[in-house]
Protein backbone atom coordinates (compact mmCIF):
# COMPACT_ATOMS: atom_id res chain seq x y z
CA MET A 1 103.98 108.49 117.93
CA GLY A 2 106.69 110.02 115.66
CA GLY A 3 107.06 109.41 111.92
CA THR A 4 109.91 107.00 112.35
CA ASP A 5 107.86 104.78 114.57
CA LYS A 6 105.04 104.93 112.25
CA VAL A 7 107.03 103.77 109.25
CA LYS A 8 108.61 100.86 111.43
CA ARG A 9 105.32 99.74 112.39
CA TRP A 10 103.98 99.89 108.73
CA ARG A 11 106.86 97.78 107.67
CA LEU A 12 106.28 95.22 110.29
CA LEU A 13 102.62 94.65 108.98
CA LEU A 14 103.49 91.80 106.91
CA ALA A 15 105.29 89.91 109.69
CA LEU A 16 102.21 90.64 111.89
CA LEU A 17 99.75 89.20 109.25
CA MET A 18 102.09 86.10 109.00
CA THR A 19 101.65 85.65 112.66
CA ILE A 20 97.96 85.92 112.39
CA VAL A 21 97.83 83.32 109.88
CA ALA A 22 99.79 80.95 112.03
CA ALA A 23 98.00 81.62 115.31
CA SER A 24 96.06 78.95 117.01
CA ALA A 25 92.39 79.51 116.62
CA GLU A 26 91.93 77.98 120.12
CA GLU A 27 93.74 80.89 121.78
CA ILE A 28 91.17 83.44 121.00
CA ILE A 29 87.38 83.23 120.41
CA ASP A 30 86.96 85.24 117.28
CA GLN A 31 84.54 88.09 116.78
CA ILE A 32 84.19 91.02 114.48
CA VAL A 33 85.58 94.17 116.51
CA ALA A 34 85.32 96.61 113.61
CA VAL A 35 83.92 97.02 109.94
CA VAL A 36 85.82 99.29 107.42
CA ASP A 37 83.64 99.62 104.27
CA ASP A 38 83.52 95.98 103.10
CA GLU A 39 86.51 94.85 105.12
CA ILE A 40 86.24 93.33 108.75
CA ILE A 41 88.72 93.31 111.60
CA LEU A 42 88.71 90.45 113.94
CA GLU A 43 89.36 90.11 117.68
CA SER A 44 92.23 87.80 116.78
CA GLU A 45 93.90 90.27 114.48
CA VAL A 46 93.87 92.82 117.29
CA TYR A 47 95.41 90.62 119.75
CA GLN A 48 98.07 89.08 117.46
CA TYR A 49 99.04 92.56 116.33
CA LEU A 50 99.21 93.53 120.11
CA GLN A 51 101.39 90.58 121.02
CA PHE A 52 103.65 91.14 118.10
CA SER A 53 104.02 94.83 119.01
CA ILE A 54 104.99 94.17 122.63
CA GLY A 55 107.14 91.12 121.77
CA SER A 56 106.71 87.36 122.17
CA GLN A 57 108.60 87.37 125.66
CA VAL A 58 105.91 89.45 127.29
CA SER A 59 102.42 87.82 128.21
CA LEU A 60 99.22 89.89 127.60
CA ASP A 61 98.06 88.46 130.91
CA SER A 62 100.96 90.28 132.77
CA ILE A 63 99.73 93.81 131.37
CA PRO A 64 97.42 95.74 133.85
CA PRO A 65 93.78 95.76 132.51
CA ALA A 66 93.85 99.54 131.99
CA LYS A 67 96.98 99.60 130.12
CA LEU A 68 95.73 96.52 128.01
CA ASP A 69 92.65 98.25 127.11
CA SER A 70 94.53 101.45 126.15
CA LEU A 71 96.93 99.22 123.95
CA HIS A 72 93.96 97.43 122.36
CA ALA A 73 92.32 100.57 121.35
CA MET A 74 95.48 101.99 119.86
CA VAL A 75 96.04 98.74 117.96
CA LEU A 76 92.41 98.71 116.57
CA ASP A 77 92.82 102.38 115.43
CA ASP A 78 95.96 101.30 113.47
CA LEU A 79 94.22 98.29 111.96
CA ILE A 80 91.33 100.61 110.94
CA ALA A 81 93.80 102.99 109.29
CA GLN A 82 95.34 100.03 107.34
CA LYS A 83 91.81 99.03 106.06
CA LEU A 84 90.98 102.55 105.21
CA LEU A 85 94.04 102.82 103.05
CA LEU A 86 93.41 99.42 101.48
CA THR A 87 90.01 100.52 100.60
CA ARG A 88 91.14 103.79 99.08
CA ALA A 89 93.91 101.92 97.06
CA ARG A 90 91.22 99.75 95.52
CA THR A 91 88.97 102.68 94.76
CA ASP A 92 91.62 104.50 92.92
CA SER A 93 92.50 101.48 91.10
CA ILE A 94 96.19 101.46 92.43
CA ALA A 95 97.84 98.26 91.38
CA VAL A 96 101.09 96.49 91.83
CA SER A 97 102.78 94.14 89.29
CA THR A 98 103.31 90.47 89.64
CA LYS A 99 107.09 91.15 89.43
CA GLU A 100 106.88 93.51 92.38
CA VAL A 101 104.87 91.21 94.30
CA ASP A 102 107.27 88.25 93.75
CA LYS A 103 110.34 90.23 94.58
CA GLU A 104 108.97 91.68 97.77
CA LEU A 105 107.54 88.18 98.81
CA ASP A 106 111.13 86.63 98.35
CA ALA A 107 112.61 89.46 100.39
CA ARG A 108 110.29 89.09 103.12
CA VAL A 109 110.37 85.26 103.35
CA SER A 110 114.22 85.44 103.10
CA SER A 111 114.26 87.99 105.91
CA LEU A 112 111.98 85.87 108.09
CA MET A 113 114.36 82.65 107.46
CA GLU A 114 117.25 84.76 108.66
CA GLN A 115 115.39 85.67 111.71
CA VAL A 116 114.21 82.24 112.73
CA GLY A 117 117.41 80.43 111.71
CA GLY A 118 116.82 79.04 108.29
CA GLN A 119 114.41 77.63 105.88
CA ASP A 120 113.86 74.50 108.04
CA LYS A 121 112.86 76.18 110.98
CA LEU A 122 110.49 78.36 109.03
CA GLU A 123 108.96 75.44 107.49
CA SER A 124 108.76 73.57 110.86
CA TYR A 125 107.00 76.75 112.49
CA TYR A 126 104.27 76.91 109.94
CA ASP A 127 104.19 73.02 109.33
CA MET A 128 104.28 73.43 105.54
CA PRO A 129 106.80 73.67 102.82
CA LEU A 130 108.32 76.94 101.80
CA SER A 131 106.27 76.85 98.48
CA ARG A 132 103.01 76.71 100.50
CA ILE A 133 104.12 79.48 102.88
CA LYS A 134 104.67 81.87 99.95
CA LYS A 135 101.48 80.98 98.31
CA ASN A 136 99.54 81.59 101.60
CA PHE A 137 101.19 84.92 102.18
CA ARG A 138 101.10 86.25 98.70
CA PRO A 139 97.87 88.17 98.83
CA LEU A 140 99.04 89.75 102.13
CA VAL A 141 102.21 90.96 100.52
CA GLU A 142 100.01 92.35 97.70
CA GLU A 143 97.79 94.32 100.08
CA THR A 144 100.82 95.57 102.09
CA LEU A 145 102.41 96.98 98.84
CA LEU A 146 99.08 98.49 97.78
CA ILE A 147 98.87 100.30 101.22
CA GLU A 148 102.72 101.41 101.02
CA ARG A 149 102.22 102.56 97.46
CA ILE A 150 98.93 104.83 98.26
CA ARG A 151 100.73 106.29 101.35
CA ARG A 152 103.76 107.14 99.48
CA GLN A 153 101.87 108.76 96.58
CA LYS A 154 99.97 110.90 99.06
CA LEU A 155 103.06 112.07 100.89
CA GLN A 156 105.58 112.47 98.09
CA SER A 157 104.52 116.06 97.70
CA VAL A 158 105.11 116.82 101.29
CA LYS A 159 108.38 119.03 101.64
CA VAL A 160 110.10 121.13 104.43
CA SER A 161 111.68 124.43 103.92
CA ARG A 162 114.73 125.40 105.76
CA SER A 163 112.81 127.83 107.93
CA GLU A 164 110.63 124.83 109.01
CA VAL A 165 113.65 122.80 109.72
CA VAL A 166 115.17 125.49 111.82
CA ALA A 167 111.86 125.75 113.69
CA PHE A 168 111.77 122.20 114.45
CA TRP A 169 115.31 122.26 115.57
CA GLU A 170 114.48 124.87 118.16
CA GLN A 171 111.65 122.54 119.50
CA ILE A 172 113.60 119.42 119.76
CA LYS A 173 117.17 120.44 120.27
CA ASP A 174 117.30 120.17 124.00
CA SER A 175 115.66 116.80 124.10
CA LEU A 176 118.03 115.19 121.47
CA PRO A 177 120.50 112.62 122.86
CA PRO A 178 124.09 112.69 121.77
CA LEU A 179 124.99 110.68 118.70
CA GLN A 180 126.39 107.28 119.40
CA ASP A 181 129.21 105.56 117.53
CA GLY A 182 127.72 104.13 114.38
CA ILE A 183 128.69 102.60 110.97
CA ARG A 184 126.73 102.48 107.78
CA LEU A 185 127.58 99.63 105.61
CA ALA A 186 126.92 98.62 101.91
CA HIS A 187 127.88 95.52 100.27
CA ILE A 188 128.23 93.54 96.98
CA LEU A 189 127.45 89.92 97.60
CA LEU A 190 128.79 87.32 95.09
CA GLN A 191 127.74 83.69 94.89
CA ASP A 192 129.72 80.86 93.49
CA LYS A 193 128.72 79.78 89.92
CA VAL A 194 128.43 76.14 90.19
CA SER A 195 130.30 74.17 87.51
CA GLU A 196 129.07 71.33 85.61
CA THR A 197 131.37 69.12 87.25
CA SER A 198 129.77 69.92 90.75
CA THR A 199 126.45 69.42 89.27
CA GLN A 200 127.25 65.94 87.92
CA ALA A 201 128.81 65.01 91.27
CA ALA A 202 125.43 65.63 92.98
CA ILE A 203 123.59 63.79 90.39
CA ALA A 204 125.91 60.78 90.76
CA LYS A 205 125.20 60.76 94.60
CA ALA A 206 121.55 60.82 93.84
CA ASP A 207 121.78 58.15 91.32
CA SER A 208 123.57 55.97 93.73
CA ALA A 209 121.06 56.51 96.42
CA ARG A 210 118.10 55.60 94.08
CA LYS A 211 119.77 52.14 93.34
CA ILE A 212 120.23 51.62 97.08
CA LEU A 213 116.73 52.70 97.63
CA GLU A 214 115.44 50.22 95.00
CA SER A 215 117.53 47.29 96.45
CA GLY A 216 115.53 47.55 99.70
CA GLN A 217 118.62 47.92 101.90
CA ILE A 218 117.02 50.98 103.53
CA THR A 219 113.80 52.83 103.33
CA PHE A 220 113.09 56.08 101.64
CA GLU A 221 112.18 57.74 105.08
CA GLU A 222 115.49 56.38 106.73
CA PHE A 223 117.64 57.45 104.04
CA ALA A 224 116.16 60.96 103.82
CA SER A 225 116.31 61.54 107.57
CA ARG A 226 119.85 60.63 107.64
CA ASN A 227 121.19 62.07 104.23
CA SER A 228 118.90 64.68 102.84
CA ASP A 229 120.39 68.12 102.64
CA ASP A 230 116.84 69.59 103.18
CA PRO A 231 116.88 69.74 106.85
CA GLY A 232 113.31 70.76 107.02
CA SER A 233 111.89 67.67 105.35
CA ALA A 234 114.72 65.36 106.54
CA SER A 235 113.23 65.51 109.98
CA ARG A 236 109.80 64.27 108.49
CA GLY A 237 111.35 61.42 106.63
CA GLY A 238 111.64 63.60 103.45
CA LYS A 239 107.83 64.43 103.43
CA LEU A 240 106.96 67.63 101.80
CA GLY A 241 103.21 67.13 102.26
CA THR A 242 100.16 67.85 99.81
CA THR A 243 100.80 70.59 97.27
CA SER A 244 98.93 71.96 94.24
CA ARG A 245 100.20 72.78 90.69
CA GLY A 246 102.39 75.75 90.99
CA ASP A 247 103.39 75.32 94.65
CA LEU A 248 106.77 73.80 93.82
CA VAL A 249 109.62 74.59 91.47
CA PRO A 250 108.85 73.53 87.74
CA GLU A 251 111.44 70.94 87.55
CA TYR A 252 110.15 69.11 90.58
CA GLU A 253 106.55 69.34 89.48
CA ALA A 254 107.19 68.34 85.90
CA ALA A 255 108.82 65.06 87.32
CA ALA A 256 106.15 64.55 90.10
CA TYR A 257 103.17 64.96 87.98
CA ALA A 258 104.42 62.38 85.51
CA MET A 259 104.83 59.72 88.13
CA GLU A 260 102.65 57.05 89.55
CA PRO A 261 102.06 56.70 93.25
CA GLY A 262 104.93 54.66 94.81
CA ASP A 263 107.47 55.72 92.08
CA ILE A 264 110.89 57.02 92.80
CA SER A 265 112.15 59.59 90.15
CA GLN A 266 115.43 59.75 88.39
CA PRO A 267 117.70 62.56 89.82
CA VAL A 268 115.84 65.96 89.19
CA VAL A 269 118.06 69.19 89.08
CA SER A 270 116.53 72.46 90.37
CA GLN A 271 117.78 75.58 91.89
CA PHE A 272 117.93 73.93 95.26
CA GLY A 273 120.02 71.03 94.11
CA VAL A 274 119.38 67.43 92.95
CA HIS A 275 116.11 65.79 94.14
CA LEU A 276 114.89 62.16 94.35
CA ILE A 277 111.16 62.39 94.48
CA ARG A 278 108.71 59.84 95.52
CA LEU A 279 105.16 60.29 94.71
CA GLU A 280 102.84 59.26 97.61
CA ASP A 281 99.43 60.17 96.20
CA ARG A 282 97.79 62.18 93.66
CA THR A 283 94.10 63.56 93.57
CA GLY A 284 93.29 65.75 90.72
CA GLU A 285 95.72 68.55 90.60
CA LYS A 286 96.95 68.00 94.12
CA ILE A 287 100.04 65.78 94.77
CA THR A 288 101.56 64.43 97.88
CA THR A 289 105.39 63.99 97.64
CA SER A 290 108.53 63.24 99.63
CA HIS A 291 112.02 63.85 98.37
CA ILE A 292 115.65 63.47 99.19
CA LEU A 293 117.83 66.56 98.44
CA PHE A 294 121.55 66.34 97.49
CA ALA A 295 123.00 69.98 97.61
CA ILE A 296 125.38 70.98 94.63
CA VAL A 297 128.48 71.84 96.68
CA PRO A 298 130.81 74.36 94.74
CA ALA A 299 134.14 72.95 93.81
CA SER A 300 137.45 74.60 94.87
CA GLU A 301 137.79 76.05 91.24
CA ASP A 302 134.18 77.42 91.66
CA GLN A 303 135.14 79.22 94.88
CA ASN A 304 138.42 80.49 93.38
CA GLN A 305 136.61 82.06 90.43
CA THR A 306 134.35 83.98 92.75
CA LYS A 307 137.26 85.15 94.84
CA SER A 308 138.99 86.38 91.62
CA LEU A 309 136.01 88.22 90.53
CA ALA A 310 135.80 89.83 94.10
CA ASP A 311 139.43 90.90 93.99
CA SER A 312 139.00 92.46 90.60
CA LEU A 313 135.96 94.32 91.78
CA VAL A 314 137.81 95.59 94.91
CA THR A 315 140.70 96.89 92.46
CA VAL A 316 138.31 98.68 90.35
CA LEU A 317 136.52 100.24 93.33
CA ARG A 318 139.54 101.53 94.97
CA ALA A 319 140.65 103.05 91.58
CA GLY A 320 137.26 105.05 91.80
CA GLY A 321 134.75 102.52 90.17
CA ASN A 322 131.09 103.29 90.57
CA PHE A 323 129.96 101.09 93.62
CA VAL A 324 126.25 101.54 92.89
CA GLU A 325 126.45 100.43 89.30
CA LEU A 326 128.80 97.42 90.16
CA THR A 327 126.23 96.38 93.01
CA ARG A 328 123.31 96.31 90.58
CA GLU A 329 125.46 94.45 87.96
CA PHE A 330 127.01 91.76 90.17
CA SER A 331 125.41 91.54 93.71
CA ILE A 332 122.99 88.63 94.16
CA ASP A 333 121.40 90.21 97.14
CA THR A 334 118.14 91.22 95.75
CA LYS A 335 117.12 92.99 98.93
CA THR A 336 119.72 95.49 98.72
CA ALA A 337 121.07 95.63 95.11
CA ALA A 338 118.47 98.06 93.76
CA ALA A 339 119.39 100.35 96.75
CA GLY A 340 123.20 100.32 95.99
CA GLY A 341 123.88 97.57 98.36
CA ASP A 342 122.82 99.62 101.47
CA LEU A 343 122.55 97.50 104.62
CA GLY A 344 121.90 100.33 106.99
CA TRP A 345 123.41 101.68 110.22
CA PHE A 346 124.76 99.62 112.89
CA SER A 347 126.16 100.19 116.48
CA PRO A 348 129.49 98.46 117.04
CA GLN A 349 127.50 96.04 119.19
CA GLU A 350 125.20 95.19 116.33
CA LEU A 351 127.63 94.37 113.78
CA PRO A 352 127.24 90.79 112.52
CA ASP A 353 130.06 88.65 113.81
CA ASP A 354 131.32 87.83 110.22
CA PHE A 355 131.59 91.59 109.49
CA ARG A 356 133.57 92.78 112.49
CA ALA A 357 137.07 91.84 111.60
CA PRO A 358 136.70 92.91 107.91
CA VAL A 359 135.69 96.33 108.64
CA GLU A 360 137.94 96.93 111.76
CA GLY A 361 139.61 100.23 111.40
CA LEU A 362 138.09 101.27 108.11
CA GLU A 363 136.77 104.66 107.44
CA LYS A 364 134.11 106.29 105.46
CA GLY A 365 134.65 105.27 101.77
CA ASP A 366 136.93 102.51 102.52
CA TYR A 367 136.42 98.99 101.09
CA SER A 368 137.05 95.67 102.73
CA GLU A 369 138.97 92.86 101.47
CA PRO A 370 136.55 90.20 100.17
CA PHE A 371 135.42 87.72 102.82
CA ARG A 372 133.20 84.63 102.75
CA THR A 373 130.14 83.98 104.97
CA ARG A 374 127.47 81.19 104.58
CA PHE A 375 125.75 83.58 102.23
CA GLY A 376 128.60 84.01 99.69
CA VAL A 377 131.49 86.43 99.16
CA HIS A 378 131.13 89.84 100.44
CA ILE A 379 132.76 93.27 99.58
CA ILE A 380 131.87 95.90 102.08
CA LYS A 381 131.86 99.62 101.66
CA ILE A 382 131.82 101.92 104.64
CA ALA A 383 129.13 104.15 103.51
CA ASP A 384 129.39 106.43 106.58
CA ARG A 385 130.93 106.39 110.00
CA ILE A 386 130.17 108.60 113.07
CA TYR A 387 131.55 108.80 116.55
CA SER A 388 129.90 109.87 119.55
CA ARG A 389 129.23 113.51 119.89
CA GLU A 390 126.58 116.25 120.37
CA ILE A 391 124.14 116.88 117.44
CA THR A 392 124.31 120.36 116.00
CA LEU A 393 122.30 121.92 113.31
CA VAL A 394 125.40 122.94 111.26
CA GLU A 395 126.90 119.51 111.25
CA ASP A 396 123.71 117.50 110.99
CA PHE A 397 121.40 119.67 109.13
CA GLY A 398 120.65 116.75 106.78
CA ARG A 399 119.61 114.43 109.75
CA VAL A 400 117.66 117.14 111.43
CA GLU A 401 115.78 117.95 108.06
CA GLN A 402 114.85 114.14 107.67
CA MET A 403 113.48 114.25 111.25
CA ALA A 404 111.41 117.38 110.46
CA LEU A 405 110.24 115.78 107.19
CA ALA A 406 109.10 112.68 108.96
CA LYS A 407 107.25 114.67 111.62
CA LYS A 408 105.44 116.73 109.06
CA GLN A 409 104.70 113.53 106.87
CA ASP A 410 103.24 111.96 109.98
CA ASP A 411 101.00 114.93 110.80
CA GLU A 412 99.71 115.08 107.12
CA PHE A 413 99.18 111.43 107.24
CA ARG A 414 97.18 111.51 110.36
CA LYS A 415 94.91 114.25 108.98
CA TRP A 416 94.42 112.30 105.75
CA VAL A 417 93.31 109.16 107.69
CA ASP A 418 90.81 111.20 109.61
CA GLU A 419 89.52 112.41 106.25
CA LEU A 420 89.15 109.00 104.92
CA ARG A 421 87.44 107.83 108.17
CA ALA A 422 85.03 110.63 107.88
CA GLU A 423 83.90 109.59 104.31
CA THR A 424 84.05 105.84 104.77
CA TYR A 425 81.82 103.56 106.67
CA VAL A 426 83.42 102.66 109.87
CA GLU A 427 81.91 100.94 112.85
CA LYS A 428 83.35 99.55 115.94
CA LYS A 429 81.46 96.67 117.37
């Protein structure tokens, strides 16, 4: 397996672990299949990783037994490597900060929400509120960051010389497919700053709803299912379920913990909008609540201010302004801002529908006009653009160099894992 594939699989680890957490225990009778130092690997982990690797559309039952055994062995070896690195990271006292974990957790969960179609679908899949999902996955995120950090530290000194790149090119040049059309995008994402007028409008709606509920004209559950702007809980009559202190945003918790069972709160403003909260039950530090959410909708003047800022940024950029600096200052996309807004490479077919028209006809270094999607207002930079042609060492030395480096790093990584395995207690059951 090449270095690029290895990196991709490492980046998929958290999503795999999330799949394991959500998996039904009835599907696999668990047993320990391997022990690595003080860590264990369960049969369910292997099969869930295997299912994740081949895709949810392929049934494991459809794979020939011999091939399934081979895949099982490969997956088990990968999981053993993960545990070896985790053990080594802890031995070397490698740590990640709370801020790093929070940032990565938010980015991973946001990515999952995009993949499944939103927060409500994610909450429905795991049958728990977003706050609980984050709390459950936080230890997994921390472990993933530890593994990535120790791997990066080990391989950061690995370099390739020009002669190594040339030798690598001679080995693979006849097997390389031609380059296909591709476009690399970076963006600045701006979000409307909601005015006090918009906030007060949402508060007024919530206050009016509270009066209707108190009059008994409609039940809390009925009102939530019809009117709440939180689709995940609206489908359950507003129920968020049972949570512990720290699971929910501070404003929500401050109100909920001060209530008596059956009470309906005054309007509570949080980052998600305006809530009406009903306390269902409280046992110690655990509360069971329902809520109705009223979204704070940006007024036209809020949107116009965002558009004016976007237009001014485009003017500055086209006059030679520093895109990376402006991205870090203004973009609210935390996943990409630190990397200069980089969104990566896309084939023409892979471009998001909202992006196709704005980047049509633009070349490397060009900037799009500002445009709005459901995420906010985007300014797109064409970071790079290539058209179909054969790869050559002269034109694509940097690309070949990265491939050679990835191959060398993968070889070094494999040797290191073998060394760790030789000095660590590992037993396959």
